Amino acid sequence: MRPERALLLSDRIVVCNQNGWTFGDTEHVVTSMLRGLGYMTTEVHDGPVDLDHTGAVWMMGNGRWFVKLREQLAGQPPGRRPFTLVWHYEPLPYTRRMAVPWPLPGMKELANLLARRWNLNDVYTNYVCLRRLVRHRLVDLVVVARQGACDFLGSQGLDAAFVPLGYCELYGRDLGLARDIDVLFLDHLAFARRRRAVARLRRAGIDLQVHGSPSPVWGPPRTRLLNRAKIFLNIHRVPGDLNGLRMILGMANRALVISEPIYAPTPYVPGQHYVSATLRDMPDVIRYYLSHDEERDAIAAEGHRLVTRDVTMAHAISRLLDLMGRVSRGRPG
């Protein structure tokens, strides 16, 4: 559903994107899909933008990344600001009822904190930025891609909607290739926690292939690589956190996702769409599913059906546009 035209300054939407999710390394998938729905959509890495002729601004990933745009919004009278949405899919703290301590910054994150870098992405900096955006009324709608993040913000008195990341063709598909890789982990190993987890699994005798460190793997090569994997691992950067993109990548390419336990994993159900296991139990769980092909294939097939039919980017964008329409009805000015 598209928002009502009368509620926006114009039909032009500016998508602010700093990294990833691109078609042919040109633009964000959201930018392409909004244009396909008939919106006059442009994409920027940051401000300044022409706010006088813009109906809506979408900040993708983390509002902190767009320093110039935030300054520009702050300098505009409230009645002249376009409708501003933040779709936040980076880590945030947990609610206190979760029996997991808040994570300490790693060495890389600590160095970035001391240097006050623009691209800080630890849970505490992310929360402080969102809180400031809301309290200074620079955003009209905060959307998070994790139910756990929605729970946390609610516990802090901040309203947020939950819309999970969705699948699109960018993330691959089932090619029907022979699966000659037992276990695959796909990402850089800049975080010590992941390096320790990988080393522990290898010491336990797991034939684990790691790709993407130091150079990332994108596009068709990534799809072919994932299609060769029997098991795709989700090792948390932050314990308990849901990495929606990693879940989609594994399931879209019909590999069995084995993940550390996730707090509030909606829309994914452990045992049905993926397998949950602690790092301590993971070697035994991996060996079990490598030796039980039918069980592994059944769960992988359920995960594949979920992301390719239900948890799609098209559904996510439709939900976001519907939320924009609902919120803008009560927006002053």
C-alpha atoms as a PDB file:
ATOM      1  CA  MET A   1       0.000   0.000   0.000  1.00  0.00           C
ATOM      2  CA  ARG A   2       1.313   3.447  -0.905  1.00  0.00           C
ATOM      3  CA  PRO A   3       0.962   6.450   1.447  1.00  0.00           C
ATOM      4  CA  GLU A   4      -1.625   9.064   0.570  1.00  0.00           C
ATOM      5  CA  ARG A   5      -0.215  11.669  -1.816  1.00  0.00           C
ATOM      6  CA  ALA A   6      -1.756  14.621   0.063  1.00  0.00           C
ATOM      7  CA  LEU A   7       0.236  13.723   3.171  1.00  0.00           C
ATOM      8  CA  LEU A   8       3.644  14.177   1.490  1.00  0.00           C
ATOM      9  CA  LEU A   9       5.240  17.313   0.094  1.00  0.00           C
ATOM     10  CA  SER A  10       5.879  15.537  -3.187  1.00  0.00           C
ATOM     11  CA  ASP A  11       6.163  12.079  -4.711  1.00  0.00           C
ATOM     12  CA  ARG A  12       9.952  12.257  -4.513  1.00  0.00           C
ATOM     13  CA  ILE A  13      11.695   9.947  -2.025  1.00  0.00           C
ATOM     14  CA  VAL A  14      15.387  10.266  -1.166  1.00  0.00           C
ATOM     15  CA  VAL A  15      17.030   7.016   0.005  1.00  0.00           C
ATOM     16  CA  CYS A  16      20.152   7.511   2.111  1.00  0.00           C
ATOM     17  CA  ASN A  17      22.477   4.527   1.872  1.00  0.00           C
ATOM     18  CA  GLN A  18      26.085   4.083   2.931  1.00  0.00           C
ATOM     19  CA  ASN A  19      26.800   0.473   2.064  1.00  0.00           C
ATOM     20  CA  GLY A  20      25.538  -2.810   0.672  1.00  0.00           C
ATOM     21  CA  TRP A  21      22.260  -4.102  -0.781  1.00  0.00           C
ATOM     22  CA  THR A  22      22.952  -2.867  -4.299  1.00  0.00           C
ATOM     23  CA  PHE A  23      22.008  -4.029  -7.775  1.00  0.00           C
ATOM     24  CA  GLY A  24      25.166  -4.025  -9.896  1.00  0.00           C
ATOM     25  CA  ASP A  25      26.947  -1.845  -7.313  1.00  0.00           C
ATOM     26  CA  THR A  26      24.788   1.093  -8.373  1.00  0.00           C
ATOM     27  CA  GLU A  27      21.942   1.624  -5.942  1.00  0.00           C
ATOM     28  CA  HIS A  28      20.129   0.220  -2.926  1.00  0.00           C
ATOM     29  CA  VAL A  29      17.508  -2.444  -3.578  1.00  0.00           C
ATOM     30  CA  VAL A  30      14.947  -0.256  -1.799  1.00  0.00           C
ATOM     31  CA  THR A  31      15.693   2.570  -4.228  1.00  0.00           C
ATOM     32  CA  SER A  32      15.042   0.281  -7.190  1.00  0.00           C
ATOM     33  CA  MET A  33      11.857  -1.161  -5.762  1.00  0.00           C
ATOM     34  CA  LEU A  34      10.386   2.226  -4.828  1.00  0.00           C
ATOM     35  CA  ARG A  35      11.075   3.447  -8.347  1.00  0.00           C
ATOM     36  CA  GLY A  36       9.333   0.355  -9.664  1.00  0.00           C
ATOM     37  CA  LEU A  37       6.268   1.364  -7.614  1.00  0.00           C
ATOM     38  CA  GLY A  38       6.171   4.719  -9.381  1.00  0.00           C
ATOM     39  CA  TYR A  39       7.998   6.953  -6.913  1.00  0.00           C
ATOM     40  CA  MET A  40      10.547   9.510  -8.116  1.00  0.00           C
ATOM     41  CA  THR A  41      13.406   7.995  -6.150  1.00  0.00           C
ATOM     42  CA  THR A  42      16.993   9.156  -5.853  1.00  0.00           C
ATOM     43  CA  GLU A  43      19.823   7.805  -3.725  1.00  0.00           C
ATOM     44  CA  VAL A  44      22.516   9.674  -1.815  1.00  0.00           C
ATOM     45  CA  HIS A  45      25.312   8.679   0.539  1.00  0.00           C
ATOM     46  CA  ASP A  46      24.601  11.701   2.753  1.00  0.00           C
ATOM     47  CA  GLY A  47      23.286  15.255   2.617  1.00  0.00           C
ATOM     48  CA  PRO A  48      22.810  17.913   1.658  1.00  0.00           C
ATOM     49  CA  VAL A  49      19.655  17.130  -0.315  1.00  0.00           C
ATOM     50  CA  ASP A  50      16.911  19.315  -1.757  1.00  0.00           C
ATOM     51  CA  LEU A  51      14.459  19.077   1.128  1.00  0.00           C
ATOM     52  CA  ASP A  52      12.059  21.627  -0.357  1.00  0.00           C
ATOM     53  CA  HIS A  53      11.111  19.256  -3.184  1.00  0.00           C
ATOM     54  CA  THR A  54      11.280  15.978  -1.266  1.00  0.00           C
ATOM     55  CA  GLY A  55       8.264  14.135   0.081  1.00  0.00           C
ATOM     56  CA  ALA A  56      10.138  11.619   2.227  1.00  0.00           C
ATOM     57  CA  VAL A  57      13.660  10.723   3.356  1.00  0.00           C
ATOM     58  CA  TRP A  58      14.587   7.114   4.113  1.00  0.00           C
ATOM     59  CA  MET A  59      17.721   6.547   6.202  1.00  0.00           C
ATOM     60  CA  MET A  60      18.857   2.975   5.681  1.00  0.00           C
ATOM     61  CA  GLY A  61      20.747   0.986   8.295  1.00  0.00           C
ATOM     62  CA  ASN A  62      21.805   3.528  10.895  1.00  0.00           C
ATOM     63  CA  GLY A  63      20.841   7.193  11.234  1.00  0.00           C
ATOM     64  CA  ARG A  64      24.248   8.007  12.688  1.00  0.00           C
ATOM     65  CA  TRP A  65      25.925   7.425   9.337  1.00  0.00           C
ATOM     66  CA  PHE A  66      24.292  10.480   7.742  1.00  0.00           C
ATOM     67  CA  VAL A  67      26.002  13.350   9.541  1.00  0.00           C
ATOM     68  CA  LYS A  68      25.367  16.094   6.982  1.00  0.00           C
ATOM     69  CA  LEU A  69      21.750  15.108   6.485  1.00  0.00           C
ATOM     70  CA  ARG A  70      21.050  15.155  10.227  1.00  0.00           C
ATOM     71  CA  GLU A  71      22.571  18.638  10.458  1.00  0.00           C
ATOM     72  CA  GLN A  72      20.454  19.756   7.511  1.00  0.00           C
ATOM     73  CA  LEU A  73      17.246  18.390   9.057  1.00  0.00           C
ATOM     74  CA  ALA A  74      18.053  20.074  12.369  1.00  0.00           C
ATOM     75  CA  GLY A  75      18.395  23.414  10.575  1.00  0.00           C
ATOM     76  CA  GLN A  76      14.949  23.198   8.970  1.00  0.00           C
ATOM     77  CA  PRO A  77      11.739  24.475  10.609  1.00  0.00           C
ATOM     78  CA  PRO A  78       9.678  21.411  11.647  1.00  0.00           C
ATOM     79  CA  GLY A  79       6.858  22.271   9.249  1.00  0.00           C
ATOM     80  CA  ARG A  80       9.214  22.259   6.263  1.00  0.00           C
ATOM     81  CA  ARG A  81      10.944  18.954   6.923  1.00  0.00           C
ATOM     82  CA  PRO A  82       9.957  16.038   4.695  1.00  0.00           C
ATOM     83  CA  PHE A  83       8.622  12.876   6.280  1.00  0.00           C
ATOM     84  CA  THR A  84      11.714  11.124   7.652  1.00  0.00           C
ATOM     85  CA  LEU A  85      12.014   7.397   8.249  1.00  0.00           C
ATOM     86  CA  VAL A  86      14.901   5.437   9.773  1.00  0.00           C
ATOM     87  CA  TRP A  87      14.948   1.729   8.998  1.00  0.00           C
ATOM     88  CA  HIS A  88      17.525   0.605  11.537  1.00  0.00           C
ATOM     89  CA  TYR A  89      18.969  -2.869  11.076  1.00  0.00           C
ATOM     90  CA  GLU A  90      22.247  -2.540  12.988  1.00  0.00           C
ATOM     91  CA  PRO A  91      22.808  -3.866  16.555  1.00  0.00           C
ATOM     92  CA  LEU A  92      21.120  -2.346  19.613  1.00  0.00           C
ATOM     93  CA  PRO A  93      21.231  -3.332  23.304  1.00  0.00           C
ATOM     94  CA  TYR A  94      18.893  -5.926  24.780  1.00  0.00           C
ATOM     95  CA  THR A  95      16.097  -5.568  27.276  1.00  0.00           C
ATOM     96  CA  ARG A  96      17.199  -6.273  30.836  1.00  0.00           C
ATOM     97  CA  ARG A  97      14.945  -9.315  31.050  1.00  0.00           C
ATOM     98  CA  MET A  98      17.192 -11.123  28.609  1.00  0.00           C
ATOM     99  CA  ALA A  99      19.711 -13.196  30.566  1.00  0.00           C
ATOM    100  CA  VAL A 100      22.681 -11.971  28.507  1.00  0.00           C
ATOM    101  CA  PRO A 101      24.997  -9.148  29.659  1.00  0.00           C
ATOM    102  CA  TRP A 102      25.321  -6.108  27.430  1.00  0.00           C
ATOM    103  CA  PRO A 103      28.368  -6.603  25.205  1.00  0.00           C
ATOM    104  CA  LEU A 104      31.646  -4.808  25.806  1.00  0.00           C
ATOM    105  CA  PRO A 105      33.157  -3.019  22.783  1.00  0.00           C
ATOM    106  CA  GLY A 106      35.846  -5.000  20.974  1.00  0.00           C
ATOM    107  CA  MET A 107      39.275  -3.550  20.228  1.00  0.00           C
ATOM    108  CA  LYS A 108      38.183  -2.300  16.801  1.00  0.00           C
ATOM    109  CA  GLU A 109      35.024  -0.726  18.192  1.00  0.00           C
ATOM    110  CA  LEU A 110      36.941   0.804  21.098  1.00  0.00           C
ATOM    111  CA  ALA A 111      39.445   2.359  18.690  1.00  0.00           C
ATOM    112  CA  ASN A 112      36.597   3.794  16.625  1.00  0.00           C
ATOM    113  CA  LEU A 113      34.947   5.174  19.776  1.00  0.00           C
ATOM    114  CA  LEU A 114      38.143   6.930  20.834  1.00  0.00           C
ATOM    115  CA  ALA A 115      38.581   8.334  17.335  1.00  0.00           C
ATOM    116  CA  ARG A 116      34.891   9.419  17.246  1.00  0.00           C
ATOM    117  CA  ARG A 117      34.527   8.018  13.738  1.00  0.00           C
ATOM    118  CA  TRP A 118      31.357   8.771  11.757  1.00  0.00           C
ATOM    119  CA  ASN A 119      30.712   5.076  11.116  1.00  0.00           C
ATOM    120  CA  LEU A 120      30.613   3.898  14.719  1.00  0.00           C
ATOM    121  CA  ASN A 121      28.322   0.882  14.920  1.00  0.00           C
ATOM    122  CA  ASP A 122      28.380  -0.443  18.489  1.00  0.00           C
ATOM    123  CA  VAL A 123      25.111  -1.014  20.340  1.00  0.00           C
ATOM    124  CA  TYR A 124      25.510   1.948  22.678  1.00  0.00           C
ATOM    125  CA  THR A 125      26.351   4.567  20.051  1.00  0.00           C
ATOM    126  CA  ASN A 126      23.510   3.288  17.887  1.00  0.00           C
ATOM    127  CA  TYR A 127      21.018   3.661  20.737  1.00  0.00           C
ATOM    128  CA  VAL A 128      22.208   7.142  21.708  1.00  0.00           C
ATOM    129  CA  CYS A 129      21.882   8.314  18.098  1.00  0.00           C
ATOM    130  CA  LEU A 130      18.341   6.944  17.732  1.00  0.00           C
ATOM    131  CA  ARG A 131      17.311   8.522  21.026  1.00  0.00           C
ATOM    132  CA  ARG A 132      18.644  11.922  19.943  1.00  0.00           C
ATOM    133  CA  LEU A 133      16.913  11.719  16.568  1.00  0.00           C
ATOM    134  CA  VAL A 134      13.595  11.013  18.279  1.00  0.00           C
ATOM    135  CA  ARG A 135      13.944  13.553  21.079  1.00  0.00           C
ATOM    136  CA  HIS A 136      14.964  16.309  18.667  1.00  0.00           C
ATOM    137  CA  ARG A 137      12.040  15.307  16.419  1.00  0.00           C
ATOM    138  CA  LEU A 138      14.264  14.842  13.394  1.00  0.00           C
ATOM    139  CA  VAL A 139      12.532  11.581  12.443  1.00  0.00           C
ATOM    140  CA  ASP A 140       8.846  10.772  12.152  1.00  0.00           C
ATOM    141  CA  LEU A 141       9.111   6.992  12.132  1.00  0.00           C
ATOM    142  CA  VAL A 142      11.681   4.576  13.578  1.00  0.00           C
ATOM    143  CA  VAL A 143      11.545   1.048  12.186  1.00  0.00           C
ATOM    144  CA  VAL A 144      13.843  -1.739  13.375  1.00  0.00           C
ATOM    145  CA  ALA A 145      14.548  -5.057  11.712  1.00  0.00           C
ATOM    146  CA  ARG A 146      14.789  -7.065  14.951  1.00  0.00           C
ATOM    147  CA  GLN A 147      11.981  -7.794  17.383  1.00  0.00           C
ATOM    148  CA  GLY A 148      14.538  -7.691  20.182  1.00  0.00           C
ATOM    149  CA  ALA A 149      15.502  -4.143  19.198  1.00  0.00           C
ATOM    150  CA  CYS A 150      11.836  -3.162  19.172  1.00  0.00           C
ATOM    151  CA  ASP A 151      11.439  -4.596  22.679  1.00  0.00           C
ATOM    152  CA  PHE A 152      14.482  -2.685  23.934  1.00  0.00           C
ATOM    153  CA  LEU A 153      13.424   0.670  22.495  1.00  0.00           C
ATOM    154  CA  GLY A 154       9.952   0.190  23.944  1.00  0.00           C
ATOM    155  CA  SER A 155      11.465  -0.440  27.380  1.00  0.00           C
ATOM    156  CA  GLN A 156      13.228   2.931  27.023  1.00  0.00           C
ATOM    157  CA  GLY A 157      10.037   4.761  26.104  1.00  0.00           C
ATOM    158  CA  LEU A 158      10.848   5.077  22.399  1.00  0.00           C
ATOM    159  CA  ASP A 159       8.209   4.042  19.881  1.00  0.00           C
ATOM    160  CA  ALA A 160       9.439   1.832  17.053  1.00  0.00           C
ATOM    161  CA  ALA A 161       7.847  -0.498  14.535  1.00  0.00           C
ATOM    162  CA  PHE A 162       9.202  -3.932  13.635  1.00  0.00           C
ATOM    163  CA  VAL A 163       9.723  -4.792   9.970  1.00  0.00           C
ATOM    164  CA  PRO A 164      12.269  -7.569   9.309  1.00  0.00           C
ATOM    165  CA  LEU A 165      14.697  -7.490   6.436  1.00  0.00           C
ATOM    166  CA  GLY A 166      13.325  -9.235   3.361  1.00  0.00           C
ATOM    167  CA  TYR A 167      14.566 -11.417   0.541  1.00  0.00           C
ATOM    168  CA  CYS A 168      15.154 -10.210  -3.012  1.00  0.00           C
ATOM    169  CA  GLU A 169      16.963 -11.710  -5.982  1.00  0.00           C
ATOM    170  CA  LEU A 170      20.168  -9.959  -4.929  1.00  0.00           C
ATOM    171  CA  TYR A 171      20.637 -12.559  -2.183  1.00  0.00           C
ATOM    172  CA  GLY A 172      20.652 -15.562  -4.494  1.00  0.00           C
ATOM    173  CA  ARG A 173      18.507 -18.603  -5.215  1.00  0.00           C
ATOM    174  CA  ASP A 174      18.661 -22.384  -5.267  1.00  0.00           C
ATOM    175  CA  LEU A 175      20.822 -23.326  -8.266  1.00  0.00           C
ATOM    176  CA  GLY A 176      20.627 -27.066  -7.635  1.00  0.00           C
ATOM    177  CA  LEU A 177      24.425 -27.411  -7.439  1.00  0.00           C
ATOM    178  CA  ALA A 178      26.243 -30.313  -5.806  1.00  0.00           C
ATOM    179  CA  ARG A 179      26.886 -29.363  -2.190  1.00  0.00           C
ATOM    180  CA  ASP A 180      30.559 -30.183  -1.755  1.00  0.00           C
ATOM    181  CA  ILE A 181      31.240 -27.776   1.147  1.00  0.00           C
ATOM    182  CA  ASP A 182      30.287 -29.226   4.512  1.00  0.00           C
ATOM    183  CA  VAL A 183      30.237 -26.017   6.586  1.00  0.00           C
ATOM    184  CA  LEU A 184      30.572 -22.410   5.458  1.00  0.00           C
ATOM    185  CA  PHE A 185      30.956 -19.142   7.322  1.00  0.00           C
ATOM    186  CA  LEU A 186      30.748 -16.031   5.198  1.00  0.00           C
ATOM    187  CA  ASP A 187      32.009 -12.742   6.620  1.00  0.00           C
ATOM    188  CA  HIS A 188      35.147 -10.967   7.769  1.00  0.00           C
ATOM    189  CA  LEU A 189      36.828 -11.998  11.018  1.00  0.00           C
ATOM    190  CA  ALA A 190      37.535  -8.498  12.298  1.00  0.00           C
ATOM    191  CA  PHE A 191      35.766  -9.284  15.575  1.00  0.00           C
ATOM    192  CA  ALA A 192      37.694 -11.363  18.111  1.00  0.00           C
ATOM    193  CA  ARG A 193      34.591 -13.260  19.171  1.00  0.00           C
ATOM    194  CA  ARG A 194      34.147 -14.695  15.682  1.00  0.00           C
ATOM    195  CA  ARG A 195      37.835 -15.550  15.369  1.00  0.00           C
ATOM    196  CA  ARG A 196      37.688 -17.490  18.642  1.00  0.00           C
ATOM    197  CA  ALA A 197      34.525 -19.311  17.563  1.00  0.00           C
ATOM    198  CA  VAL A 198      36.027 -20.336  14.220  1.00  0.00           C
ATOM    199  CA  ALA A 199      39.205 -21.560  15.918  1.00  0.00           C
ATOM    200  CA  ARG A 200      37.184 -23.566  18.437  1.00  0.00           C
ATOM    201  CA  LEU A 201      35.138 -25.296  15.744  1.00  0.00           C
ATOM    202  CA  ARG A 202      38.248 -26.210  13.794  1.00  0.00           C
ATOM    203  CA  ARG A 203      39.921 -27.610  16.904  1.00  0.00           C
ATOM    204  CA  ALA A 204      36.830 -29.777  17.350  1.00  0.00           C
ATOM    205  CA  GLY A 205      37.470 -31.272  13.897  1.00  0.00           C
ATOM    206  CA  ILE A 206      34.856 -29.336  11.904  1.00  0.00           C
ATOM    207  CA  ASP A 207      35.841 -28.852   8.262  1.00  0.00           C
ATOM    208  CA  LEU A 208      34.861 -25.182   8.207  1.00  0.00           C
ATOM    209  CA  GLN A 209      35.472 -22.932   5.220  1.00  0.00           C
ATOM    210  CA  VAL A 210      35.594 -19.182   5.829  1.00  0.00           C
ATOM    211  CA  HIS A 211      35.152 -16.730   2.966  1.00  0.00           C
ATOM    212  CA  GLY A 212      34.904 -12.970   2.967  1.00  0.00           C
ATOM    213  CA  SER A 213      37.940 -12.183   5.104  1.00  0.00           C
ATOM    214  CA  PRO A 214      39.593  -9.856   4.303  1.00  0.00           C
ATOM    215  CA  SER A 215      37.831  -9.357   0.943  1.00  0.00           C
ATOM    216  CA  PRO A 216      34.006  -9.648   0.826  1.00  0.00           C
ATOM    217  CA  VAL A 217      32.251 -11.978  -1.590  1.00  0.00           C
ATOM    218  CA  TRP A 218      29.335 -10.442  -3.535  1.00  0.00           C
ATOM    219  CA  GLY A 219      26.968 -11.147  -6.383  1.00  0.00           C
ATOM    220  CA  PRO A 220      26.919 -14.363  -8.451  1.00  0.00           C
ATOM    221  CA  PRO A 221      30.157 -15.740  -6.890  1.00  0.00           C
ATOM    222  CA  ARG A 222      28.524 -15.524  -3.458  1.00  0.00           C
ATOM    223  CA  THR A 223      25.373 -17.262  -4.716  1.00  0.00           C
ATOM    224  CA  ARG A 224      27.391 -20.118  -6.229  1.00  0.00           C
ATOM    225  CA  LEU A 225      29.443 -20.460  -3.049  1.00  0.00           C
ATOM    226  CA  LEU A 226      26.348 -20.627  -0.841  1.00  0.00           C
ATOM    227  CA  ASN A 227      24.762 -23.167  -3.174  1.00  0.00           C
ATOM    228  CA  ARG A 228      27.737 -25.466  -2.597  1.00  0.00           C
ATOM    229  CA  ALA A 229      27.321 -25.387   1.199  1.00  0.00           C
ATOM    230  CA  LYS A 230      25.410 -28.010   3.142  1.00  0.00           C
ATOM    231  CA  ILE A 231      25.497 -25.932   6.349  1.00  0.00           C
ATOM    232  CA  PHE A 232      25.745 -22.165   6.647  1.00  0.00           C
ATOM    233  CA  LEU A 233      26.830 -20.866  10.064  1.00  0.00           C
ATOM    234  CA  ASN A 234      25.560 -17.806  11.888  1.00  0.00           C
ATOM    235  CA  ILE A 235      28.166 -16.811  14.474  1.00  0.00           C
ATOM    236  CA  HIS A 236      27.093 -13.715  16.326  1.00  0.00           C
ATOM    237  CA  ARG A 237      29.029 -10.502  16.417  1.00  0.00           C
ATOM    238  CA  VAL A 238      26.886  -9.610  19.448  1.00  0.00           C
ATOM    239  CA  PRO A 239      25.592 -12.626  21.464  1.00  0.00           C
ATOM    240  CA  GLY A 240      21.870 -13.254  20.968  1.00  0.00           C
ATOM    241  CA  ASP A 241      21.530 -10.781  18.114  1.00  0.00           C
ATOM    242  CA  LEU A 242      19.489 -11.562  15.004  1.00  0.00           C
ATOM    243  CA  ASN A 243      21.434 -10.961  11.796  1.00  0.00           C
ATOM    244  CA  GLY A 244      18.540 -11.003   9.362  1.00  0.00           C
ATOM    245  CA  LEU A 245      20.717 -10.694   6.276  1.00  0.00           C
ATOM    246  CA  ARG A 246      22.788 -13.739   7.226  1.00  0.00           C
ATOM    247  CA  MET A 247      19.653 -15.785   7.819  1.00  0.00           C
ATOM    248  CA  ILE A 248      18.248 -14.736   4.438  1.00  0.00           C
ATOM    249  CA  LEU A 249      21.490 -15.510   2.612  1.00  0.00           C
ATOM    250  CA  GLY A 250      21.642 -19.056   3.932  1.00  0.00           C
ATOM    251  CA  MET A 251      17.957 -19.828   3.464  1.00  0.00           C
ATOM    252  CA  ALA A 252      17.610 -18.182   0.045  1.00  0.00           C
ATOM    253  CA  ASN A 253      20.359 -20.454  -1.274  1.00  0.00           C
ATOM    254  CA  ARG A 254      18.839 -23.472   0.472  1.00  0.00           C
ATOM    255  CA  ALA A 255      21.675 -24.227   2.854  1.00  0.00           C
ATOM    256  CA  LEU A 256      20.826 -25.336   6.373  1.00  0.00           C
ATOM    257  CA  VAL A 257      21.402 -22.403   8.721  1.00  0.00           C
ATOM    258  CA  ILE A 258      22.865 -23.357  12.090  1.00  0.00           C
ATOM    259  CA  SER A 259      22.915 -20.379  14.404  1.00  0.00           C
ATOM    260  CA  GLU A 260      23.893 -19.536  17.922  1.00  0.00           C
ATOM    261  CA  PRO A 261      20.775 -18.939  20.048  1.00  0.00           C
ATOM    262  CA  ILE A 262      18.883 -15.802  18.986  1.00  0.00           C
ATOM    263  CA  TYR A 263      16.817 -13.642  21.292  1.00  0.00           C
ATOM    264  CA  ALA A 264      13.390 -13.038  19.692  1.00  0.00           C
ATOM    265  CA  PRO A 265      14.200 -14.664  16.304  1.00  0.00           C
ATOM    266  CA  THR A 266      10.860 -13.696  14.664  1.00  0.00           C
ATOM    267  CA  PRO A 267      10.026 -14.416  11.841  1.00  0.00           C
ATOM    268  CA  TYR A 268      12.332 -17.455  12.046  1.00  0.00           C
ATOM    269  CA  VAL A 269      11.422 -20.483  14.156  1.00  0.00           C
ATOM    270  CA  PRO A 270      14.266 -22.665  15.468  1.00  0.00           C
ATOM    271  CA  GLY A 271      13.835 -26.309  14.559  1.00  0.00           C
ATOM    272  CA  GLN A 272      11.564 -25.370  11.666  1.00  0.00           C
ATOM    273  CA  HIS A 273      13.475 -22.831   9.568  1.00  0.00           C
ATOM    274  CA  TYR A 274      16.946 -23.145  11.111  1.00  0.00           C
ATOM    275  CA  VAL A 275      18.810 -25.018  13.853  1.00  0.00           C
ATOM    276  CA  SER A 276      19.829 -23.321  17.094  1.00  0.00           C
ATOM    277  CA  ALA A 277      22.935 -24.460  18.980  1.00  0.00           C
ATOM    278  CA  THR A 278      25.366 -22.956  21.467  1.00  0.00           C
ATOM    279  CA  LEU A 279      29.016 -22.754  20.441  1.00  0.00           C
ATOM    280  CA  ARG A 280      29.723 -25.522  22.962  1.00  0.00           C
ATOM    281  CA  ASP A 281      27.202 -27.872  21.330  1.00  0.00           C
ATOM    282  CA  MET A 282      27.708 -26.736  17.767  1.00  0.00           C
ATOM    283  CA  PRO A 283      30.352 -29.336  16.735  1.00  0.00           C
ATOM    284  CA  ASP A 284      28.043 -32.224  17.712  1.00  0.00           C
ATOM    285  CA  VAL A 285      25.021 -30.548  16.095  1.00  0.00           C
ATOM    286  CA  ILE A 286      26.960 -29.983  12.869  1.00  0.00           C
ATOM    287  CA  ARG A 287      28.105 -33.607  12.762  1.00  0.00           C
ATOM    288  CA  TYR A 288      24.522 -34.781  13.354  1.00  0.00           C
ATOM    289  CA  TYR A 289      23.059 -32.854  10.427  1.00  0.00           C
ATOM    290  CA  LEU A 290      25.942 -33.730   8.120  1.00  0.00           C
ATOM    291  CA  SER A 291      25.099 -37.387   8.692  1.00  0.00           C
ATOM    292  CA  HIS A 292      21.297 -36.975   8.456  1.00  0.00           C
ATOM    293  CA  ASP A 293      20.703 -35.660   4.965  1.00  0.00           C
ATOM    294  CA  GLU A 294      16.911 -35.895   4.957  1.00  0.00           C
ATOM    295  CA  GLU A 295      16.510 -33.922   8.189  1.00  0.00           C
ATOM    296  CA  ARG A 296      18.987 -31.312   7.001  1.00  0.00           C
ATOM    297  CA  ASP A 297      17.261 -30.932   3.646  1.00  0.00           C
ATOM    298  CA  ALA A 298      13.796 -30.695   5.220  1.00  0.00           C
ATOM    299  CA  ILE A 299      14.707 -27.763   7.474  1.00  0.00           C
ATOM    300  CA  ALA A 300      16.654 -26.061   4.681  1.00  0.00           C
ATOM    301  CA  ALA A 301      13.613 -26.373   2.412  1.00  0.00           C
ATOM    302  CA  GLU A 302      11.322 -24.817   5.045  1.00  0.00           C
ATOM    303  CA  GLY A 303      13.706 -21.896   5.498  1.00  0.00           C
ATOM    304  CA  HIS A 304      13.922 -21.437   1.740  1.00  0.00           C
ATOM    305  CA  ARG A 305      10.132 -21.351   1.412  1.00  0.00           C
ATOM    306  CA  LEU A 306       9.804 -18.831   4.225  1.00  0.00           C
ATOM    307  CA  VAL A 307      12.198 -16.228   2.854  1.00  0.00           C
ATOM    308  CA  THR A 308      11.331 -16.562  -0.822  1.00  0.00           C
ATOM    309  CA  ARG A 309       7.547 -16.471  -0.306  1.00  0.00           C
ATOM    310  CA  ASP A 310       6.797 -14.614   2.936  1.00  0.00           C
ATOM    311  CA  VAL A 311       9.804 -12.668   4.248  1.00  0.00           C
ATOM    312  CA  THR A 312      10.453 -10.696   1.073  1.00  0.00           C
ATOM    313  CA  MET A 313      11.685  -7.183   0.427  1.00  0.00           C
ATOM    314  CA  ALA A 314       8.492  -6.448  -1.487  1.00  0.00           C
ATOM    315  CA  HIS A 315       6.452  -7.263   1.631  1.00  0.00           C
ATOM    316  CA  ALA A 316       8.796  -5.165   3.786  1.00  0.00           C
ATOM    317  CA  ILE A 317       8.510  -2.107   1.544  1.00  0.00           C
ATOM    318  CA  SER A 318       4.733  -2.446   1.414  1.00  0.00           C
ATOM    319  CA  ARG A 319       4.651  -2.524   5.218  1.00  0.00           C
ATOM    320  CA  LEU A 320       6.966   0.503   5.472  1.00  0.00           C
ATOM    321  CA  LEU A 321       4.833   2.538   3.073  1.00  0.00           C
ATOM    322  CA  ASP A 322       1.709   1.589   5.009  1.00  0.00           C
ATOM    323  CA  LEU A 323       3.354   2.718   8.263  1.00  0.00           C
ATOM    324  CA  MET A 324       4.343   6.009   6.629  1.00  0.00           C
ATOM    325  CA  GLY A 325       0.740   6.630   5.661  1.00  0.00           C
ATOM    326  CA  ARG A 326      -0.551   5.835   9.148  1.00  0.00           C
ATOM    327  CA  VAL A 327       2.013   7.975  10.972  1.00  0.00           C
ATOM    328  CA  SER A 328       1.801  10.918   8.566  1.00  0.00           C
ATOM    329  CA  ARG A 329      -1.933  11.268   9.208  1.00  0.00           C
ATOM    330  CA  GLY A 330      -1.131  12.517  12.689  1.00  0.00           C
ATOM    331  CA  ARG A 331       1.959  14.483  11.705  1.00  0.00           C
ATOM    332  CA  PRO A 332       1.793  18.250  12.449  1.00  0.00           C
ATOM    333  CA  GLY A 333       2.311  20.630   9.530  1.00  0.00           C
END
